[in-house]
Amino acid sequence: MNPLSAGNSQSKQQLRLNWPDGREHLLDHAELRRQCPCSQCRAFRLRGMTPMVDARVRVVELNPQGYGLQLVFSDGHERGIYPWAYLAEL
């Protein structure tokens, strides 16, 4: 299920997704960075480590990829593409 809309608030540090079922989903930028689905970040979490993420990190760019969003963060990380289903679970 794809959201109807996606918005980004840098002042609130939140990604906003509006789903077809009427749900509005607010996701914290720092938590999105910690939960990055790229292979490097997943491997880090699989080793039982929690990524150290500055609480001030922001999503600075959203790049739609059809099946999800590529998020570009203020710390320069841009490798993760977040599938819609993954974002719905967070």
N, C-alpha and C. Protein backbone atom coordinates (compact mmCIF):
# COMPACT_ATOMS: atom_id res chain seq x y z
N MET A 1 0.85 -1.18 0.00
CA MET A 1 0.00 0.00 0.00
C MET A 1 0.89 1.24 0.00
N ASN A 2 0.69 2.10 -0.94
CA ASN A 2 1.44 3.35 -1.02
C ASN A 2 0.68 4.47 -0.33
N PRO A 3 1.39 5.39 0.29
CA PRO A 3 0.70 6.52 0.93
C PRO A 3 0.12 7.45 -0.14
N LEU A 4 -0.89 8.21 0.27
CA LEU A 4 -1.47 9.21 -0.62
C LEU A 4 -0.55 10.41 -0.75
N SER A 5 0.17 10.71 0.33
CA SER A 5 1.10 11.84 0.31
C SER A 5 2.20 11.62 1.32
N ALA A 6 3.33 12.28 1.05
CA ALA A 6 4.47 12.25 1.96
C ALA A 6 4.96 13.69 2.09
N GLY A 7 5.20 14.11 3.32
CA GLY A 7 5.70 15.45 3.57
C GLY A 7 6.85 15.40 4.56
N ASN A 8 7.64 16.44 4.55
CA ASN A 8 8.80 16.49 5.42
C ASN A 8 8.84 17.82 6.15
N SER A 9 8.90 17.78 7.47
CA SER A 9 9.02 18.99 8.28
C SER A 9 10.38 18.98 8.96
N GLN A 10 11.27 19.85 8.49
CA GLN A 10 12.58 19.93 9.13
C GLN A 10 12.47 20.59 10.50
N SER A 11 11.55 21.54 10.67
CA SER A 11 11.41 22.20 11.97
C SER A 11 10.90 21.24 13.04
N LYS A 12 10.01 20.33 12.67
CA LYS A 12 9.49 19.33 13.63
C LYS A 12 10.32 18.05 13.61
N GLN A 13 11.26 17.94 12.67
CA GLN A 13 12.10 16.76 12.50
C GLN A 13 11.25 15.51 12.29
N GLN A 14 10.24 15.62 11.41
CA GLN A 14 9.34 14.51 11.17
C GLN A 14 9.02 14.34 9.69
N LEU A 15 8.91 13.08 9.30
CA LEU A 15 8.38 12.71 8.00
C LEU A 15 6.91 12.39 8.23
N ARG A 16 6.02 12.92 7.39
CA ARG A 16 4.59 12.68 7.53
C ARG A 16 4.10 11.89 6.33
N LEU A 17 3.44 10.77 6.60
CA LEU A 17 2.84 9.93 5.56
C LEU A 17 1.35 9.84 5.81
N ASN A 18 0.55 10.07 4.77
CA ASN A 18 -0.90 9.92 4.85
C ASN A 18 -1.30 8.71 4.03
N TRP A 19 -1.89 7.71 4.69
CA TRP A 19 -2.21 6.43 4.08
C TRP A 19 -3.65 6.40 3.60
N PRO A 20 -3.98 5.55 2.62
CA PRO A 20 -5.34 5.46 2.09
C PRO A 20 -6.41 5.10 3.13
N ASP A 21 -6.02 4.44 4.20
CA ASP A 21 -6.99 4.07 5.24
C ASP A 21 -7.29 5.22 6.21
N GLY A 22 -6.72 6.42 5.93
CA GLY A 22 -6.99 7.59 6.76
C GLY A 22 -5.96 7.84 7.84
N ARG A 23 -5.02 6.91 8.02
CA ARG A 23 -3.98 7.08 9.04
C ARG A 23 -2.99 8.14 8.62
N GLU A 24 -2.56 8.95 9.58
CA GLU A 24 -1.42 9.84 9.37
C GLU A 24 -0.29 9.31 10.24
N HIS A 25 0.86 9.13 9.63
CA HIS A 25 2.00 8.49 10.30
C HIS A 25 3.12 9.53 10.39
N LEU A 26 3.57 9.85 11.60
CA LEU A 26 4.66 10.79 11.81
C LEU A 26 5.89 10.01 12.26
N LEU A 27 6.98 10.17 11.52
CA LEU A 27 8.21 9.43 11.80
C LEU A 27 9.34 10.40 12.09
N ASP A 28 9.99 10.20 13.22
CA ASP A 28 11.09 11.05 13.66
C ASP A 28 12.32 10.86 12.77
N HIS A 29 12.93 11.96 12.36
CA HIS A 29 14.09 11.90 11.48
C HIS A 29 15.23 11.06 12.07
N ALA A 30 15.56 11.28 13.33
CA ALA A 30 16.68 10.54 13.94
C ALA A 30 16.36 9.04 14.00
N GLU A 31 15.11 8.70 14.29
CA GLU A 31 14.74 7.28 14.34
C GLU A 31 14.78 6.66 12.94
N LEU A 32 14.37 7.41 11.93
CA LEU A 32 14.48 6.92 10.56
C LEU A 32 15.94 6.65 10.21
N ARG A 33 16.82 7.53 10.63
CA ARG A 33 18.25 7.34 10.37
C ARG A 33 18.78 6.09 11.07
N ARG A 34 18.34 5.87 12.33
CA ARG A 34 18.76 4.67 13.08
C ARG A 34 18.25 3.40 12.42
N GLN A 35 17.09 3.46 11.78
CA GLN A 35 16.46 2.28 11.18
C GLN A 35 16.71 2.17 9.69
N CYS A 36 17.72 2.84 9.18
CA CYS A 36 18.04 2.81 7.75
C CYS A 36 18.12 1.37 7.26
N PRO A 37 17.45 1.06 6.14
CA PRO A 37 17.45 -0.31 5.63
C PRO A 37 18.60 -0.65 4.68
N CYS A 38 19.57 0.23 4.51
CA CYS A 38 20.68 -0.10 3.60
C CYS A 38 21.47 -1.28 4.19
N SER A 39 22.21 -1.96 3.35
CA SER A 39 22.91 -3.18 3.78
C SER A 39 23.92 -2.89 4.89
N GLN A 40 24.61 -1.77 4.81
CA GLN A 40 25.61 -1.44 5.83
C GLN A 40 24.95 -1.22 7.19
N CYS A 41 23.86 -0.47 7.23
CA CYS A 41 23.17 -0.20 8.50
C CYS A 41 22.50 -1.46 9.04
N ARG A 42 21.91 -2.27 8.15
CA ARG A 42 21.30 -3.53 8.61
C ARG A 42 22.33 -4.44 9.22
N ALA A 43 23.49 -4.56 8.60
CA ALA A 43 24.56 -5.41 9.13
C ALA A 43 24.99 -4.93 10.51
N PHE A 44 25.06 -3.64 10.69
CA PHE A 44 25.42 -3.04 11.98
C PHE A 44 24.41 -3.47 13.05
N ARG A 45 23.11 -3.35 12.72
CA ARG A 45 22.06 -3.74 13.68
C ARG A 45 22.05 -5.23 13.93
N LEU A 46 22.32 -6.04 12.90
CA LEU A 46 22.34 -7.50 13.07
C LEU A 46 23.45 -7.95 14.02
N ARG A 47 24.50 -7.16 14.14
CA ARG A 47 25.57 -7.47 15.09
C ARG A 47 25.21 -7.00 16.50
N GLY A 48 23.97 -6.54 16.67
CA GLY A 48 23.49 -6.13 17.99
C GLY A 48 23.89 -4.74 18.40
N MET A 49 24.36 -3.95 17.46
CA MET A 49 24.79 -2.59 17.77
C MET A 49 23.71 -1.60 17.37
N THR A 50 23.59 -0.55 18.15
CA THR A 50 22.67 0.53 17.84
C THR A 50 23.46 1.66 17.22
N PRO A 51 23.08 2.08 16.01
CA PRO A 51 23.82 3.18 15.39
C PRO A 51 23.74 4.46 16.24
N MET A 52 24.87 5.11 16.39
CA MET A 52 24.92 6.39 17.09
C MET A 52 24.48 7.46 16.11
N VAL A 53 23.35 8.08 16.39
CA VAL A 53 22.78 9.09 15.50
C VAL A 53 22.57 10.37 16.29
N ASP A 54 23.08 11.45 15.78
CA ASP A 54 22.89 12.76 16.40
C ASP A 54 21.41 13.09 16.37
N ALA A 55 20.85 13.49 17.49
CA ALA A 55 19.42 13.82 17.59
C ALA A 55 19.05 14.99 16.68
N ARG A 56 20.03 15.75 16.23
CA ARG A 56 19.75 16.90 15.36
C ARG A 56 19.73 16.55 13.89
N VAL A 57 19.95 15.27 13.54
CA VAL A 57 19.96 14.87 12.12
C VAL A 57 18.60 15.16 11.50
N ARG A 58 18.62 15.59 10.25
CA ARG A 58 17.40 15.92 9.54
C ARG A 58 17.34 15.18 8.20
N VAL A 59 16.13 14.93 7.75
CA VAL A 59 15.93 14.47 6.38
C VAL A 59 15.92 15.74 5.54
N VAL A 60 16.86 15.83 4.61
CA VAL A 60 16.98 17.04 3.79
C VAL A 60 16.43 16.85 2.38
N GLU A 61 16.17 15.60 2.00
CA GLU A 61 15.66 15.36 0.64
C GLU A 61 14.89 14.05 0.62
N LEU A 62 13.76 14.05 -0.09
CA LEU A 62 12.96 12.85 -0.33
C LEU A 62 13.02 12.55 -1.82
N ASN A 63 13.41 11.34 -2.17
CA ASN A 63 13.47 10.95 -3.58
C ASN A 63 12.57 9.73 -3.78
N PRO A 64 11.38 9.92 -4.36
CA PRO A 64 10.48 8.79 -4.61
C PRO A 64 11.14 7.75 -5.51
N GLN A 65 10.95 6.47 -5.16
CA GLN A 65 11.54 5.37 -5.92
C GLN A 65 10.48 4.38 -6.40
N GLY A 66 9.21 4.79 -6.42
CA GLY A 66 8.15 3.89 -6.86
C GLY A 66 7.67 3.00 -5.73
N TYR A 67 8.54 2.15 -5.22
CA TYR A 67 8.18 1.22 -4.14
C TYR A 67 8.49 1.79 -2.76
N GLY A 68 9.04 3.01 -2.72
CA GLY A 68 9.38 3.62 -1.43
C GLY A 68 10.06 4.96 -1.63
N LEU A 69 10.81 5.36 -0.61
CA LEU A 69 11.50 6.65 -0.62
C LEU A 69 12.98 6.47 -0.32
N GLN A 70 13.81 7.15 -1.08
CA GLN A 70 15.20 7.29 -0.70
C GLN A 70 15.26 8.56 0.14
N LEU A 71 15.79 8.44 1.34
CA LEU A 71 15.92 9.59 2.23
C LEU A 71 17.38 10.02 2.27
N VAL A 72 17.58 11.33 2.14
CA VAL A 72 18.92 11.90 2.25
C VAL A 72 18.96 12.67 3.57
N PHE A 73 19.95 12.35 4.39
CA PHE A 73 20.05 12.93 5.73
C PHE A 73 21.11 14.02 5.79
N SER A 74 20.97 14.89 6.76
CA SER A 74 21.90 16.01 6.93
C SER A 74 23.31 15.55 7.30
N ASP A 75 23.46 14.30 7.76
CA ASP A 75 24.80 13.79 8.07
C ASP A 75 25.48 13.20 6.83
N GLY A 76 24.83 13.33 5.66
CA GLY A 76 25.40 12.85 4.41
C GLY A 76 24.97 11.45 4.02
N HIS A 77 24.30 10.72 4.91
CA HIS A 77 23.89 9.35 4.59
C HIS A 77 22.72 9.39 3.60
N GLU A 78 22.86 8.63 2.51
CA GLU A 78 21.81 8.62 1.49
C GLU A 78 21.65 7.27 0.82
N ARG A 79 22.14 6.23 1.46
CA ARG A 79 22.15 4.91 0.82
C ARG A 79 20.85 4.15 0.97
N GLY A 80 20.05 4.48 1.95
CA GLY A 80 18.86 3.69 2.23
C GLY A 80 17.66 4.07 1.40
N ILE A 81 17.00 3.05 0.82
CA ILE A 81 15.70 3.24 0.21
C ILE A 81 14.71 2.53 1.12
N TYR A 82 13.76 3.29 1.60
CA TYR A 82 12.78 2.82 2.58
C TYR A 82 11.52 2.38 1.85
N PRO A 83 11.28 1.06 1.70
CA PRO A 83 10.05 0.61 1.06
C PRO A 83 8.82 1.08 1.85
N TRP A 84 7.71 1.28 1.13
CA TRP A 84 6.50 1.75 1.81
C TRP A 84 6.10 0.82 2.94
N ALA A 85 6.17 -0.49 2.73
CA ALA A 85 5.78 -1.45 3.78
C ALA A 85 6.67 -1.29 5.01
N TYR A 86 7.95 -1.05 4.81
CA TYR A 86 8.89 -0.85 5.93
C TYR A 86 8.52 0.42 6.70
N LEU A 87 8.23 1.49 5.97
CA LEU A 87 7.85 2.75 6.64
C LEU A 87 6.54 2.56 7.42
N ALA A 88 5.61 1.79 6.88
CA ALA A 88 4.34 1.56 7.57
C ALA A 88 4.55 0.80 8.88
N GLU A 89 5.59 -0.03 8.95
CA GLU A 89 5.86 -0.81 10.16
C GLU A 89 6.58 -0.02 11.24
N LEU A 90 7.32 1.02 10.85
CA LEU A 90 8.13 1.78 11.82
C LEU A 90 7.24 2.59 12.76
